[in-house]
Each structure stands twice: as structure tokens, then as C-alpha cells.
Amino acid sequence: MSHRQTCPWQGGPILASSVRKLLHNPRRIVTPYLAKGMTAMDIGCAMGFFTIPMSDITGERGRVIAVDLQAEMLTGLQRNAQKAGCNNITLHQCSYDSLKIKQFNGTVDFALVFMMLHEVPDADRLVQEVYDAIKPGGKLLFTEPIGHVGKKKFEQSLSMIRQAGFKAIGSPKIRICRSAILQKQN
């Protein structure tokens, strides 16, 4: 993957800004799928727009694995998490060709792939790695921005995710996004 396909780290503060909450309220978006004590994974976490609320919702006995390609994004997330008093976040840097998350296989209750799958050169591999990380019965929230991803492309991605072993169980309404909630089959 080239850096041109990935949101540059310099945009991280904008992605984590409180103004963005007017468009995408992270708590409202993820709360239906999380509870205290769960393990969640935020793929393409940037500087923590979703990660920090997920950390609060899962609580002290929960865990959030924050995955990003760019070290600068993870450094910004670490600063933001410290300011917010979050102590249950594991920072994890992936590579261009792999999430490198095998150590988390079978441990994740909920994974978030929010507006980033279209940036990945090997979406099939990413989805397979996420599938392996999620526990049977665990959920995946997948969204893409309508401005970058047309309905046909979204449906193709959704089909690929279902072929990996997920079952679509809903279509949450998220502004300017196409979205699906999926569950890993037992």
C-alpha cells in the first residue's frame, strides 16, 4: 500500500476532533455492541476518535486493541489516552501487508473497521485476519464513506466479508456511510 492511499498522520488531529462528533458520535455508534469487560479492536484507529470511547465503555476489566499503520497516529493516540485516563488500550502497529494480529486470535468480542477498508490493498487478507481475531459470536461493524465507496463496491466488500464467515445481522444508520453489523458464526 502506498502512503497516498492512507490518510496522512498529519490529519490525525482532525479525525480525533470534537467537531467530528457532530457528524459521527463515537459513543452512539459503538455502544450497542460493547459492554464492560469486553475486548474490542479498533482497526485504523488513528488518534483514538473511537478507541477512547471504546476504552471507557469496556472499562477497567475490558481491553481495546488499537491498530494502525502509522506510528505517528499511535503516538497521538497514546497522548490522547493518557489525557483521558485510559489504561486499557493496547497500541499495535501493523504493516502495509498485514495487521500482524495473530497474538489476538480468538480473543476479540467486537471489531471496528470504520471508513478504511477502501484504503487497504488486500482487503481479503485484512478481513481474514479480523475474522481469526474475533471470538465465535463476536461482532464486526463495517462502514465505508458514501463519497469514496459506491453502493456496488460496498456490496462487493460485504460479500467478501460474508464469504470469510461473517453473517450480516443489521445495517446501522450512520451519517454519510454505508454500514453493516456482522457476526462471526460459531
Protein backbone atom coordinates (compact mmCIF):
# COMPACT_ATOMS: atom_id res chain seq x y z
CA MET A 1 0.00 0.00 0.00
CA SER A 2 1.36 3.41 -0.80
CA HIS A 3 1.12 6.29 1.64
CA ARG A 4 -1.12 8.07 -0.91
CA GLN A 5 -3.93 5.60 -0.16
CA THR A 6 -3.72 6.12 3.60
CA CYS A 7 -4.98 9.17 5.45
CA PRO A 8 -1.77 11.05 6.34
CA TRP A 9 -0.91 11.18 10.03
CA GLN A 10 -0.97 14.98 9.88
CA GLY A 11 -4.76 14.66 9.52
CA GLY A 12 -4.98 12.69 12.78
CA PRO A 13 -5.94 15.63 15.00
CA ILE A 14 -8.82 16.47 12.63
CA LEU A 15 -10.00 12.84 12.71
CA ALA A 16 -9.97 12.93 16.52
CA SER A 17 -11.53 16.39 16.90
CA SER A 18 -14.62 17.03 18.98
CA VAL A 19 -16.22 18.78 15.98
CA ARG A 20 -16.31 15.42 14.19
CA LYS A 21 -18.66 14.18 16.92
CA LEU A 22 -21.38 16.35 15.36
CA LEU A 23 -21.24 14.01 12.34
CA HIS A 24 -20.21 10.72 13.96
CA ASN A 25 -20.86 10.37 17.66
CA PRO A 26 -18.50 7.51 18.57
CA ARG A 27 -20.37 6.51 21.73
CA ARG A 28 -23.69 6.30 19.90
CA ILE A 29 -22.13 4.27 17.10
CA VAL A 30 -20.31 1.62 19.21
CA THR A 31 -22.33 1.42 22.46
CA PRO A 32 -24.89 -1.07 21.10
CA TYR A 33 -22.09 -3.62 20.56
CA LEU A 34 -19.94 -3.15 23.67
CA ALA A 35 -20.20 -3.88 27.39
CA LYS A 36 -17.95 -3.76 30.44
CA GLY A 37 -15.21 -6.38 30.36
CA MET A 38 -15.23 -6.93 26.59
CA THR A 39 -12.21 -6.95 24.31
CA ALA A 40 -12.59 -4.62 21.34
CA MET A 41 -10.35 -3.91 18.36
CA ASP A 42 -10.25 -0.57 16.51
CA ILE A 43 -8.63 -1.14 13.11
CA GLY A 44 -7.28 2.03 11.56
CA CYS A 45 -7.64 3.73 14.94
CA ALA A 46 -5.81 6.94 14.02
CA MET A 47 -5.54 9.12 17.15
CA GLY A 48 -8.37 7.47 19.04
CA PHE A 49 -11.68 9.01 17.98
CA PHE A 50 -13.39 5.63 18.58
CA THR A 51 -10.68 3.99 20.70
CA ILE A 52 -11.05 6.27 23.72
CA PRO A 53 -14.85 5.94 23.99
CA MET A 54 -14.49 2.18 23.45
CA SER A 55 -11.97 2.12 26.32
CA ASP A 56 -14.41 3.90 28.61
CA ILE A 57 -17.32 1.63 27.66
CA THR A 58 -15.35 -1.63 28.13
CA GLY A 59 -13.99 -0.39 31.48
CA GLU A 60 -11.06 -1.41 33.65
CA ARG A 61 -11.58 -5.13 33.06
CA GLY A 62 -12.05 -4.61 29.32
CA ARG A 63 -9.43 -4.06 26.69
CA VAL A 64 -9.17 -2.13 23.43
CA ILE A 65 -6.57 -3.12 20.85
CA ALA A 66 -5.80 -0.05 18.74
CA VAL A 67 -4.33 -0.99 15.36
CA ASP A 68 -2.80 1.50 12.93
CA LEU A 69 -0.18 1.55 10.20
CA GLN A 70 1.37 4.87 11.19
CA ALA A 71 3.49 5.21 14.32
CA GLU A 72 2.60 8.91 14.49
CA MET A 73 -1.10 8.06 14.77
CA LEU A 74 -0.37 5.64 17.63
CA THR A 75 1.80 8.26 19.37
CA GLY A 76 -1.07 10.76 19.12
CA LEU A 77 -3.49 8.14 20.44
CA GLN A 78 -1.18 7.41 23.36
CA ARG A 79 -1.14 11.13 24.29
CA ASN A 80 -4.94 11.39 23.96
CA ALA A 81 -5.48 8.22 26.01
CA GLN A 82 -3.23 9.50 28.80
CA LYS A 83 -5.16 12.78 28.90
CA ALA A 84 -8.43 10.82 29.10
CA GLY A 85 -7.10 8.49 31.82
CA CYS A 86 -7.49 5.34 29.69
CA ASN A 87 -5.40 2.44 30.95
CA ASN A 88 -6.87 -0.48 29.00
CA ILE A 89 -5.62 0.33 25.49
CA THR A 90 -3.02 -1.82 23.74
CA LEU A 91 -1.29 0.02 20.88
CA HIS A 92 -0.42 -2.17 17.91
CA GLN A 93 1.35 -1.09 14.74
CA CYS A 94 0.52 -3.14 11.65
CA SER A 95 2.32 -3.23 8.31
CA TYR A 96 1.22 -2.48 4.76
CA ASP A 97 0.64 -6.14 4.01
CA SER A 98 -0.71 -7.47 7.32
CA LEU A 99 -2.44 -6.41 10.53
CA LYS A 100 0.01 -8.73 12.36
CA ILE A 101 -2.59 -9.60 15.00
CA LYS A 102 -2.22 -13.38 15.34
CA GLN A 103 -1.46 -13.00 19.06
CA PHE A 104 -5.04 -11.75 19.50
CA ASN A 105 -6.73 -14.62 17.62
CA GLY A 106 -9.93 -15.78 19.27
CA THR A 107 -9.90 -13.02 21.90
CA VAL A 108 -11.91 -10.15 20.37
CA ASP A 109 -15.61 -9.60 21.11
CA PHE A 110 -16.06 -6.63 18.78
CA ALA A 111 -14.03 -5.16 15.92
CA LEU A 112 -14.50 -1.82 14.21
CA VAL A 113 -13.49 -1.26 10.57
CA PHE A 114 -14.65 2.33 10.12
CA MET A 115 -14.21 4.10 6.77
CA MET A 116 -10.87 2.48 5.97
CA LEU A 117 -11.25 -0.82 4.10
CA HIS A 118 -11.17 1.06 0.78
CA GLU A 119 -7.61 2.19 1.66
CA VAL A 120 -6.29 -1.37 2.05
CA PRO A 121 -4.56 -3.09 -0.90
CA ASP A 122 -5.51 -6.62 0.27
CA ALA A 123 -8.95 -6.32 1.85
CA ASP A 124 -9.42 -10.11 1.74
CA ARG A 125 -6.38 -10.61 3.96
CA LEU A 126 -7.46 -7.89 6.40
CA VAL A 127 -10.92 -9.43 6.72
CA GLN A 128 -9.45 -12.91 7.26
CA GLU A 129 -7.15 -11.59 9.98
CA VAL A 130 -10.08 -9.83 11.68
CA TYR A 131 -12.18 -12.99 11.38
CA ASP A 132 -9.43 -15.01 13.07
CA ALA A 133 -9.15 -12.46 15.90
CA ILE A 134 -12.88 -12.40 16.67
CA LYS A 135 -14.42 -14.98 19.00
CA PRO A 136 -17.29 -17.11 17.70
CA GLY A 137 -20.40 -14.97 18.12
CA GLY A 138 -18.31 -11.78 18.12
CA LYS A 139 -19.31 -8.81 16.00
CA LEU A 140 -17.77 -6.64 13.31
CA LEU A 141 -19.02 -3.15 12.48
CA PHE A 142 -18.04 -2.32 8.89
CA THR A 143 -18.59 1.12 7.38
CA GLU A 144 -17.43 2.95 4.29
CA PRO A 145 -17.93 6.60 3.30
CA ILE A 146 -20.52 7.08 0.57
CA GLY A 147 -18.27 9.69 -1.10
CA HIS A 148 -15.43 7.20 -1.67
CA VAL A 149 -17.24 3.89 -1.91
CA GLY A 150 -20.25 3.43 -4.17
CA LYS A 151 -23.07 1.03 -3.43
CA LYS A 152 -21.71 -1.65 -5.82
CA LYS A 153 -18.21 -1.55 -4.26
CA PHE A 154 -19.71 -1.66 -0.76
CA GLU A 155 -21.84 -4.68 -1.69
CA GLN A 156 -18.75 -6.41 -3.15
CA SER A 157 -16.85 -5.80 0.10
CA LEU A 158 -19.82 -7.02 2.13
CA SER A 159 -19.99 -10.18 0.02
CA MET A 160 -16.27 -10.80 0.61
CA ILE A 161 -16.77 -10.34 4.37
CA ARG A 162 -19.65 -12.82 4.36
CA GLN A 163 -17.51 -15.32 2.40
CA ALA A 164 -14.94 -15.11 5.22
CA GLY A 165 -17.58 -16.49 7.61
CA PHE A 166 -19.47 -13.48 8.92
CA LYS A 167 -23.26 -13.19 8.80
CA ALA A 168 -24.82 -9.76 8.24
CA ILE A 169 -27.26 -9.10 11.09
CA GLY A 170 -28.09 -5.44 10.56
CA SER A 171 -27.49 -2.15 8.75
CA PRO A 172 -26.96 0.60 11.32
CA LYS A 173 -27.78 4.10 10.15
CA ILE A 174 -24.55 6.13 10.25
CA ARG A 175 -24.37 9.54 8.55
CA ILE A 176 -22.64 9.67 5.16
CA CYS A 177 -21.79 5.97 5.43
CA ARG A 178 -22.86 2.62 4.18
CA SER A 179 -22.66 0.22 7.12
CA ALA A 180 -23.28 -3.30 8.27
CA ILE A 181 -23.03 -5.14 11.58
CA LEU A 182 -21.88 -8.71 11.11
CA GLN A 183 -21.43 -11.67 13.45
CA LYS A 184 -18.85 -14.44 13.34
CA GLN A 185 -20.64 -17.74 13.06
CA ASN A 186 -19.89 -20.48 15.60
